[in-house]
Amino acid sequence: MRILIAWLCCALLAAQTAPDVAEKLTVDGDVATPLTLTAADLAKMPHETATLAAMDGKKTAFEGVPLIEILEKAGVPFGKEMRGKALAGYVLVEAQDGYQVVFSMGELDPGLAGARVIVVDRHEGQPLSAREGPIRLVVESDKRPARSVRMVERLHVVALRK
């Protein structure tokens, strides 16, 4: 009986101290249409596959939605409108644990640099683990995975105002 009580206490403590991982992705800032996308919303969108090298050097496959598709859904202009002040804009990606990275609008635009950035919800055909997700960013073109952010919860778009 004592073992059962000790196990229940440990399970309760673990549940209370487990990180509250974001179950949604917010797109806000200088956008025409702010968005809140759940993992289920992302699962319904067309997916692409991206590969990333694991710590042991092996390539591993992630599936998700191109970041540019999500930004366009929020009303961020790309293509012919990506010139002048628009090139000074950026996306601040924020994770649940406070980690942040930045992407310039020019590097995301397929007509300019066209960095391949995927908002992923699956790894090797399975939902992301609690350590990685439920939503993660994968930047296939980066030499190091420093901007492949896990537990992504917010995309904050900033446009030049002057």
N, C-alpha and C. Protein backbone atom coordinates (compact mmCIF):
# COMPACT_ATOMS: atom_id res chain seq x y z
N MET A 1 0.83 -1.20 0.00
CA MET A 1 0.00 0.00 0.00
C MET A 1 0.87 1.26 0.00
N ARG A 2 1.97 1.23 0.81
CA ARG A 2 2.86 2.40 0.87
C ARG A 2 3.49 2.68 -0.49
N ILE A 3 3.81 1.61 -1.19
CA ILE A 3 4.41 1.79 -2.53
C ILE A 3 3.42 2.47 -3.46
N LEU A 4 2.16 2.06 -3.41
CA LEU A 4 1.13 2.66 -4.24
C LEU A 4 0.95 4.13 -3.90
N ILE A 5 0.92 4.46 -2.62
CA ILE A 5 0.76 5.85 -2.19
C ILE A 5 1.97 6.67 -2.63
N ALA A 6 3.17 6.13 -2.48
CA ALA A 6 4.37 6.85 -2.91
C ALA A 6 4.35 7.07 -4.42
N TRP A 7 3.93 6.05 -5.18
CA TRP A 7 3.86 6.19 -6.63
C TRP A 7 2.85 7.26 -7.03
N LEU A 8 1.67 7.27 -6.38
CA LEU A 8 0.65 8.27 -6.68
C LEU A 8 1.14 9.68 -6.35
N CYS A 9 1.86 9.83 -5.24
CA CYS A 9 2.41 11.14 -4.87
C CYS A 9 3.42 11.62 -5.91
N CYS A 10 4.29 10.71 -6.36
CA CYS A 10 5.29 11.06 -7.37
C CYS A 10 4.61 11.44 -8.69
N ALA A 11 3.57 10.69 -9.07
CA ALA A 11 2.86 10.98 -10.31
C ALA A 11 2.18 12.35 -10.22
N LEU A 12 1.58 12.66 -9.09
CA LEU A 12 0.93 13.95 -8.89
C LEU A 12 1.94 15.08 -8.93
N LEU A 13 3.07 14.92 -8.29
CA LEU A 13 4.13 15.92 -8.30
C LEU A 13 4.66 16.13 -9.70
N ALA A 14 4.88 15.07 -10.45
CA ALA A 14 5.37 15.18 -11.83
C ALA A 14 4.37 15.93 -12.70
N ALA A 15 3.08 15.66 -12.51
CA ALA A 15 2.05 16.35 -13.29
C ALA A 15 2.03 17.83 -12.98
N GLN A 16 2.28 18.20 -11.72
CA GLN A 16 2.26 19.61 -11.33
C GLN A 16 3.48 20.35 -11.83
N THR A 17 4.63 19.67 -11.96
CA THR A 17 5.85 20.35 -12.35
C THR A 17 6.17 20.20 -13.83
N ALA A 18 5.37 19.42 -14.58
CA ALA A 18 5.61 19.27 -16.01
C ALA A 18 5.40 20.60 -16.70
N PRO A 19 6.22 20.95 -17.70
CA PRO A 19 6.04 22.21 -18.40
C PRO A 19 4.69 22.26 -19.10
N ASP A 20 4.08 23.43 -19.08
CA ASP A 20 2.80 23.64 -19.74
C ASP A 20 3.09 23.97 -21.20
N VAL A 21 3.21 22.95 -22.02
CA VAL A 21 3.57 23.13 -23.42
C VAL A 21 2.40 23.73 -24.18
N ALA A 22 2.70 24.73 -25.00
CA ALA A 22 1.67 25.40 -25.78
C ALA A 22 1.00 24.43 -26.74
N GLU A 23 -0.30 24.46 -26.78
CA GLU A 23 -1.05 23.60 -27.70
C GLU A 23 -1.50 24.40 -28.91
N LYS A 24 -1.01 25.63 -29.04
CA LYS A 24 -1.43 26.46 -30.16
C LYS A 24 -0.26 27.34 -30.62
N LEU A 25 -0.41 27.84 -31.82
CA LEU A 25 0.57 28.74 -32.41
C LEU A 25 -0.14 30.06 -32.69
N THR A 26 0.38 31.14 -32.13
CA THR A 26 -0.20 32.46 -32.33
C THR A 26 0.64 33.21 -33.35
N VAL A 27 -0.03 33.84 -34.32
CA VAL A 27 0.63 34.70 -35.30
C VAL A 27 0.05 36.09 -35.08
N ASP A 28 0.90 37.02 -34.64
CA ASP A 28 0.40 38.36 -34.32
C ASP A 28 1.40 39.43 -34.75
N GLY A 29 1.14 40.65 -34.34
CA GLY A 29 2.00 41.77 -34.70
C GLY A 29 1.45 42.49 -35.91
N ASP A 30 2.33 42.86 -36.83
CA ASP A 30 1.94 43.61 -38.03
C ASP A 30 1.43 42.66 -39.11
N VAL A 31 0.26 42.08 -38.84
CA VAL A 31 -0.39 41.19 -39.79
C VAL A 31 -1.81 41.67 -40.03
N ALA A 32 -2.34 41.41 -41.22
CA ALA A 32 -3.71 41.80 -41.54
C ALA A 32 -4.72 40.93 -40.78
N THR A 33 -4.39 39.66 -40.59
CA THR A 33 -5.28 38.71 -39.95
C THR A 33 -4.54 37.93 -38.88
N PRO A 34 -4.58 38.37 -37.62
CA PRO A 34 -3.94 37.59 -36.56
C PRO A 34 -4.55 36.18 -36.51
N LEU A 35 -3.70 35.20 -36.23
CA LEU A 35 -4.14 33.81 -36.21
C LEU A 35 -3.82 33.13 -34.90
N THR A 36 -4.63 32.16 -34.56
CA THR A 36 -4.33 31.22 -33.50
C THR A 36 -4.61 29.85 -34.09
N LEU A 37 -3.54 29.08 -34.30
CA LEU A 37 -3.65 27.76 -34.92
C LEU A 37 -3.34 26.69 -33.88
N THR A 38 -4.22 25.73 -33.78
CA THR A 38 -3.96 24.59 -32.88
C THR A 38 -3.17 23.54 -33.65
N ALA A 39 -2.68 22.56 -32.94
CA ALA A 39 -1.99 21.45 -33.60
C ALA A 39 -2.95 20.76 -34.58
N ALA A 40 -4.23 20.69 -34.24
CA ALA A 40 -5.22 20.08 -35.13
C ALA A 40 -5.39 20.91 -36.40
N ASP A 41 -5.35 22.26 -36.28
CA ASP A 41 -5.44 23.14 -37.45
C ASP A 41 -4.25 22.90 -38.38
N LEU A 42 -3.06 22.81 -37.80
CA LEU A 42 -1.86 22.57 -38.61
C LEU A 42 -1.93 21.22 -39.30
N ALA A 43 -2.46 20.22 -38.62
CA ALA A 43 -2.56 18.87 -39.19
C ALA A 43 -3.43 18.85 -40.44
N LYS A 44 -4.38 19.77 -40.53
CA LYS A 44 -5.30 19.82 -41.67
C LYS A 44 -4.71 20.55 -42.88
N MET A 45 -3.62 21.28 -42.69
CA MET A 45 -3.02 22.06 -43.77
C MET A 45 -2.07 21.17 -44.59
N PRO A 46 -1.85 21.52 -45.87
CA PRO A 46 -0.92 20.73 -46.70
C PRO A 46 0.48 20.70 -46.09
N HIS A 47 1.05 19.51 -46.04
CA HIS A 47 2.36 19.30 -45.41
C HIS A 47 3.46 19.05 -46.44
N GLU A 48 4.67 19.40 -46.03
CA GLU A 48 5.88 19.09 -46.78
C GLU A 48 6.83 18.39 -45.81
N THR A 49 7.83 17.73 -46.36
CA THR A 49 8.82 17.04 -45.55
C THR A 49 10.13 17.80 -45.59
N ALA A 50 10.77 17.92 -44.44
CA ALA A 50 12.09 18.55 -44.33
C ALA A 50 12.99 17.60 -43.54
N THR A 51 14.27 17.62 -43.85
CA THR A 51 15.20 16.77 -43.11
C THR A 51 16.14 17.62 -42.28
N LEU A 52 16.56 17.05 -41.18
CA LEU A 52 17.46 17.73 -40.26
C LEU A 52 18.40 16.67 -39.70
N ALA A 53 19.66 17.03 -39.56
CA ALA A 53 20.64 16.09 -39.00
C ALA A 53 20.45 16.00 -37.49
N ALA A 54 20.38 14.78 -36.98
CA ALA A 54 20.29 14.54 -35.54
C ALA A 54 21.68 14.70 -34.93
N MET A 55 21.76 14.61 -33.61
CA MET A 55 23.04 14.76 -32.91
C MET A 55 24.08 13.75 -33.38
N ASP A 56 23.63 12.56 -33.78
CA ASP A 56 24.56 11.53 -34.25
C ASP A 56 24.91 11.68 -35.73
N GLY A 57 24.38 12.72 -36.37
CA GLY A 57 24.68 12.98 -37.77
C GLY A 57 23.70 12.37 -38.75
N LYS A 58 22.83 11.47 -38.29
CA LYS A 58 21.84 10.85 -39.17
C LYS A 58 20.77 11.85 -39.54
N LYS A 59 20.32 11.79 -40.78
CA LYS A 59 19.23 12.63 -41.25
C LYS A 59 17.91 12.08 -40.72
N THR A 60 17.04 12.97 -40.27
CA THR A 60 15.75 12.57 -39.74
C THR A 60 14.67 13.43 -40.40
N ALA A 61 13.51 12.87 -40.67
CA ALA A 61 12.46 13.55 -41.42
C ALA A 61 11.40 14.16 -40.50
N PHE A 62 11.04 15.40 -40.83
CA PHE A 62 9.97 16.12 -40.14
C PHE A 62 8.92 16.49 -41.18
N GLU A 63 7.66 16.53 -40.78
CA GLU A 63 6.59 16.93 -41.68
C GLU A 63 5.86 18.12 -41.07
N GLY A 64 5.53 19.08 -41.94
CA GLY A 64 4.81 20.25 -41.46
C GLY A 64 4.45 21.21 -42.58
N VAL A 65 4.03 22.39 -42.17
CA VAL A 65 3.53 23.42 -43.07
C VAL A 65 4.63 24.46 -43.28
N PRO A 66 4.91 24.85 -44.53
CA PRO A 66 5.90 25.91 -44.75
C PRO A 66 5.51 27.18 -44.00
N LEU A 67 6.48 27.79 -43.34
CA LEU A 67 6.24 29.02 -42.58
C LEU A 67 5.61 30.09 -43.46
N ILE A 68 6.06 30.20 -44.68
CA ILE A 68 5.53 31.25 -45.57
C ILE A 68 4.03 31.07 -45.79
N GLU A 69 3.54 29.83 -45.84
CA GLU A 69 2.10 29.57 -46.01
C GLU A 69 1.31 30.14 -44.83
N ILE A 70 1.83 29.95 -43.64
CA ILE A 70 1.16 30.46 -42.43
C ILE A 70 1.20 31.98 -42.42
N LEU A 71 2.34 32.57 -42.77
CA LEU A 71 2.45 34.03 -42.80
C LEU A 71 1.53 34.63 -43.87
N GLU A 72 1.45 34.00 -45.03
CA GLU A 72 0.53 34.49 -46.07
C GLU A 72 -0.92 34.39 -45.61
N LYS A 73 -1.25 33.32 -44.88
CA LYS A 73 -2.61 33.17 -44.33
C LYS A 73 -2.93 34.31 -43.37
N ALA A 74 -1.91 34.82 -42.68
CA ALA A 74 -2.09 35.94 -41.76
C ALA A 74 -2.07 37.29 -42.49
N GLY A 75 -1.84 37.26 -43.81
CA GLY A 75 -1.88 38.50 -44.58
C GLY A 75 -0.55 39.19 -44.77
N VAL A 76 0.55 38.50 -44.52
CA VAL A 76 1.87 39.10 -44.73
C VAL A 76 2.17 39.06 -46.22
N PRO A 77 2.50 40.22 -46.83
CA PRO A 77 2.75 40.26 -48.27
C PRO A 77 4.14 39.75 -48.65
N PHE A 78 4.20 38.95 -49.71
CA PHE A 78 5.46 38.47 -50.27
C PHE A 78 5.39 38.70 -51.79
N GLY A 79 6.41 38.28 -52.50
CA GLY A 79 6.40 38.43 -53.95
C GLY A 79 6.75 39.84 -54.37
N LYS A 80 5.95 40.40 -55.29
CA LYS A 80 6.22 41.74 -55.83
C LYS A 80 6.21 42.83 -54.76
N GLU A 81 5.49 42.60 -53.67
CA GLU A 81 5.40 43.59 -52.58
C GLU A 81 6.62 43.54 -51.65
N MET A 82 7.51 42.56 -51.84
CA MET A 82 8.68 42.42 -50.98
C MET A 82 9.82 43.27 -51.53
N ARG A 83 9.72 44.58 -51.23
CA ARG A 83 10.75 45.53 -51.63
C ARG A 83 10.67 46.73 -50.69
N GLY A 84 11.68 47.57 -50.71
CA GLY A 84 11.69 48.77 -49.88
C GLY A 84 11.56 48.45 -48.40
N LYS A 85 10.64 49.14 -47.74
CA LYS A 85 10.45 48.97 -46.30
C LYS A 85 10.07 47.54 -45.91
N ALA A 86 9.39 46.85 -46.80
CA ALA A 86 8.98 45.47 -46.49
C ALA A 86 10.19 44.58 -46.22
N LEU A 87 11.33 44.89 -46.84
CA LEU A 87 12.54 44.09 -46.65
C LEU A 87 13.15 44.27 -45.26
N ALA A 88 12.74 45.30 -44.54
CA ALA A 88 13.26 45.52 -43.19
C ALA A 88 12.42 44.80 -42.13
N GLY A 89 11.34 44.15 -42.55
CA GLY A 89 10.50 43.43 -41.62
C GLY A 89 11.12 42.12 -41.19
N TYR A 90 10.59 41.58 -40.10
CA TYR A 90 11.12 40.31 -39.60
C TYR A 90 10.05 39.57 -38.82
N VAL A 91 10.33 38.28 -38.57
CA VAL A 91 9.46 37.43 -37.76
C VAL A 91 10.26 37.00 -36.55
N LEU A 92 9.74 37.29 -35.38
CA LEU A 92 10.34 36.84 -34.13
C LEU A 92 9.61 35.56 -33.73
N VAL A 93 10.35 34.46 -33.64
CA VAL A 93 9.78 33.18 -33.25
C VAL A 93 10.06 32.98 -31.77
N GLU A 94 9.01 32.70 -31.01
CA GLU A 94 9.15 32.52 -29.57
C GLU A 94 8.70 31.12 -29.16
N ALA A 95 9.51 30.51 -28.29
CA ALA A 95 9.20 29.18 -27.78
C ALA A 95 8.67 29.27 -26.35
N GLN A 96 8.03 28.20 -25.92
CA GLN A 96 7.45 28.14 -24.58
C GLN A 96 8.50 28.34 -23.50
N ASP A 97 9.73 27.90 -23.75
CA ASP A 97 10.80 28.01 -22.74
C ASP A 97 11.54 29.35 -22.79
N GLY A 98 11.06 30.31 -23.62
CA GLY A 98 11.68 31.62 -23.71
C GLY A 98 12.70 31.76 -24.83
N TYR A 99 13.06 30.68 -25.52
CA TYR A 99 14.02 30.74 -26.62
C TYR A 99 13.41 31.54 -27.76
N GLN A 100 14.21 32.40 -28.39
CA GLN A 100 13.74 33.25 -29.48
C GLN A 100 14.74 33.26 -30.63
N VAL A 101 14.23 33.33 -31.86
CA VAL A 101 15.05 33.50 -33.04
C VAL A 101 14.34 34.46 -33.99
N VAL A 102 15.10 35.01 -34.93
CA VAL A 102 14.56 35.99 -35.88
C VAL A 102 14.84 35.55 -37.31
N PHE A 103 13.85 35.79 -38.18
CA PHE A 103 14.00 35.58 -39.62
C PHE A 103 13.60 36.88 -40.31
N SER A 104 14.43 37.35 -41.23
CA SER A 104 14.05 38.54 -42.00
C SER A 104 13.02 38.13 -43.05
N MET A 105 12.15 39.06 -43.41
CA MET A 105 11.14 38.77 -44.44
C MET A 105 11.81 38.44 -45.77
N GLY A 106 12.91 39.12 -46.07
CA GLY A 106 13.61 38.87 -47.32
C GLY A 106 14.16 37.45 -47.42
N GLU A 107 14.64 36.92 -46.32
CA GLU A 107 15.18 35.55 -46.38
C GLU A 107 14.08 34.51 -46.50
N LEU A 108 12.85 34.84 -46.10
CA LEU A 108 11.74 33.91 -46.21
C LEU A 108 11.06 33.94 -47.57
N ASP A 109 11.13 35.07 -48.27
CA ASP A 109 10.45 35.23 -49.55
C ASP A 109 11.06 34.30 -50.60
N PRO A 110 10.24 33.44 -51.23
CA PRO A 110 10.76 32.50 -52.23
C PRO A 110 11.39 33.20 -53.43
N GLY A 111 10.98 34.44 -53.71
CA GLY A 111 11.54 35.18 -54.84
C GLY A 111 12.87 35.83 -54.52
N LEU A 112 13.28 35.82 -53.27
CA LEU A 112 14.56 36.40 -52.87
C LEU A 112 15.45 35.26 -52.36
N ALA A 113 15.65 35.17 -51.07
CA ALA A 113 16.51 34.11 -50.52
C ALA A 113 15.79 32.77 -50.45
N GLY A 114 14.51 32.79 -50.10
CA GLY A 114 13.70 31.58 -50.08
C GLY A 114 14.15 30.51 -49.11
N ALA A 115 14.54 30.91 -47.89
CA ALA A 115 14.92 29.91 -46.89
C ALA A 115 13.76 28.94 -46.65
N ARG A 116 14.06 27.68 -46.57
CA ARG A 116 13.02 26.67 -46.36
C ARG A 116 12.83 26.46 -44.86
N VAL A 117 11.76 27.06 -44.35
CA VAL A 117 11.44 26.97 -42.92
C VAL A 117 10.08 26.30 -42.81
N ILE A 118 10.02 25.22 -42.05
CA ILE A 118 8.79 24.43 -41.92
C ILE A 118 8.33 24.44 -40.47
N VAL A 119 7.04 24.69 -40.28
CA VAL A 119 6.41 24.59 -38.96
C VAL A 119 5.91 23.16 -38.85
N VAL A 120 6.63 22.34 -38.09
CA VAL A 120 6.36 20.90 -38.09
C VAL A 120 5.52 20.46 -36.90
N ASP A 121 4.75 19.40 -37.17
CA ASP A 121 3.95 18.78 -36.12
C ASP A 121 4.15 17.26 -36.08
N ARG A 122 5.03 16.75 -36.97
CA ARG A 122 5.29 15.31 -37.02
C ARG A 122 6.78 15.06 -37.24
N HIS A 123 7.27 13.99 -36.64
CA HIS A 123 8.67 13.57 -36.76
C HIS A 123 8.69 12.09 -37.08
N GLU A 124 9.26 11.76 -38.23
CA GLU A 124 9.31 10.36 -38.68
C GLU A 124 7.91 9.74 -38.68
N GLY A 125 6.91 10.52 -39.11
CA GLY A 125 5.54 10.03 -39.22
C GLY A 125 4.73 10.01 -37.95
N GLN A 126 5.32 10.42 -36.84
CA GLN A 126 4.63 10.39 -35.54
C GLN A 126 4.47 11.82 -35.01
N PRO A 127 3.47 12.07 -34.14
CA PRO A 127 3.37 13.39 -33.50
C PRO A 127 4.67 13.69 -32.75
N LEU A 128 5.01 14.95 -32.63
CA LEU A 128 6.21 15.34 -31.91
C LEU A 128 6.13 14.93 -30.45
N SER A 129 7.26 14.63 -29.87
CA SER A 129 7.31 14.30 -28.44
C SER A 129 7.06 15.56 -27.62
N ALA A 130 6.75 15.39 -26.36
CA ALA A 130 6.53 16.54 -25.47
C ALA A 130 7.77 17.41 -25.38
N ARG A 131 8.94 16.84 -25.52
CA ARG A 131 10.20 17.59 -25.47
C ARG A 131 10.37 18.49 -26.69
N GLU A 132 9.81 18.09 -27.82
CA GLU A 132 9.97 18.84 -29.06
C GLU A 132 8.78 19.73 -29.40
N GLY A 133 7.60 19.33 -29.04
CA GLY A 133 6.41 19.96 -29.58
C GLY A 133 5.42 20.44 -28.56
N PRO A 134 4.20 20.53 -28.99
CA PRO A 134 3.60 19.90 -30.15
C PRO A 134 3.91 20.57 -31.49
N ILE A 135 4.52 21.77 -31.45
CA ILE A 135 4.85 22.49 -32.67
C ILE A 135 6.33 22.86 -32.63
N ARG A 136 7.00 22.65 -33.74
CA ARG A 136 8.43 22.94 -33.83
C ARG A 136 8.74 23.59 -35.17
N LEU A 137 9.83 24.32 -35.22
CA LEU A 137 10.31 24.91 -36.46
C LEU A 137 11.53 24.14 -36.91
N VAL A 138 11.61 23.85 -38.21
CA VAL A 138 12.79 23.20 -38.79
C VAL A 138 13.29 24.09 -39.92
N VAL A 139 14.56 24.44 -39.86
CA VAL A 139 15.19 25.26 -40.88
C VAL A 139 16.21 24.38 -41.60
N GLU A 140 15.80 23.87 -42.72
CA GLU A 140 16.59 22.89 -43.44
C GLU A 140 17.91 23.46 -43.97
N SER A 141 17.93 24.74 -44.31
CA SER A 141 19.11 25.33 -44.94
C SER A 141 20.19 25.79 -43.96
N ASP A 142 19.89 25.87 -42.68
CA ASP A 142 20.90 26.31 -41.71
C ASP A 142 21.96 25.22 -41.52
N LYS A 143 23.20 25.64 -41.37
CA LYS A 143 24.30 24.70 -41.18
C LYS A 143 24.26 24.06 -39.80
N ARG A 144 23.75 24.79 -38.81
CA ARG A 144 23.54 24.26 -37.45
C ARG A 144 22.06 24.43 -37.13
N PRO A 145 21.48 23.56 -36.34
CA PRO A 145 20.05 23.66 -36.06
C PRO A 145 19.67 24.66 -34.97
N ALA A 146 20.44 25.72 -34.81
CA ALA A 146 20.18 26.69 -33.73
C ALA A 146 18.84 27.41 -33.89
N ARG A 147 18.36 27.57 -35.14
CA ARG A 147 17.06 28.24 -35.35
C ARG A 147 15.94 27.24 -35.57
N SER A 148 16.21 25.97 -35.42
CA SER A 148 15.16 24.95 -35.47
C SER A 148 14.58 24.83 -34.06
N VAL A 149 13.65 25.69 -33.78
CA VAL A 149 13.13 25.91 -32.43
C VAL A 149 12.08 24.86 -32.07
N ARG A 150 12.21 24.30 -30.87
CA ARG A 150 11.21 23.36 -30.36
C ARG A 150 10.19 24.11 -29.51
N MET A 151 9.04 23.52 -29.30
CA MET A 151 7.95 24.08 -28.48
C MET A 151 7.58 25.51 -28.88
N VAL A 152 7.43 25.74 -30.19
CA VAL A 152 7.08 27.08 -30.70
C VAL A 152 5.66 27.41 -30.30
N GLU A 153 5.47 28.66 -29.83
CA GLU A 153 4.12 29.09 -29.46
C GLU A 153 3.71 30.41 -30.09
N ARG A 154 4.68 31.18 -30.65
CA ARG A 154 4.30 32.49 -31.18
C ARG A 154 5.20 32.89 -32.34
N LEU A 155 4.56 33.48 -33.37
CA LEU A 155 5.26 34.12 -34.47
C LEU A 155 4.83 35.58 -34.43
N HIS A 156 5.76 36.46 -34.09
CA HIS A 156 5.43 37.88 -33.97
C HIS A 156 6.06 38.61 -35.16
N VAL A 157 5.21 39.18 -36.01
CA VAL A 157 5.65 39.86 -37.23
C VAL A 157 5.85 41.34 -36.95
N VAL A 158 7.01 41.86 -37.35
CA VAL A 158 7.34 43.28 -37.16
C VAL A 158 7.64 43.89 -38.53
N ALA A 159 6.97 45.01 -38.84
CA ALA A 159 7.20 45.73 -40.08
C ALA A 159 7.80 47.09 -39.77
N LEU A 160 8.65 47.57 -40.67
CA LEU A 160 9.26 48.89 -40.52
C LEU A 160 8.17 49.95 -40.61
N ARG A 161 8.19 50.90 -39.70
CA ARG A 161 7.14 51.93 -39.65
C ARG A 161 7.58 53.27 -40.23
N LYS A 162 8.86 53.53 -40.37
CA LYS A 162 9.32 54.84 -40.84
C LYS A 162 9.44 54.89 -42.33
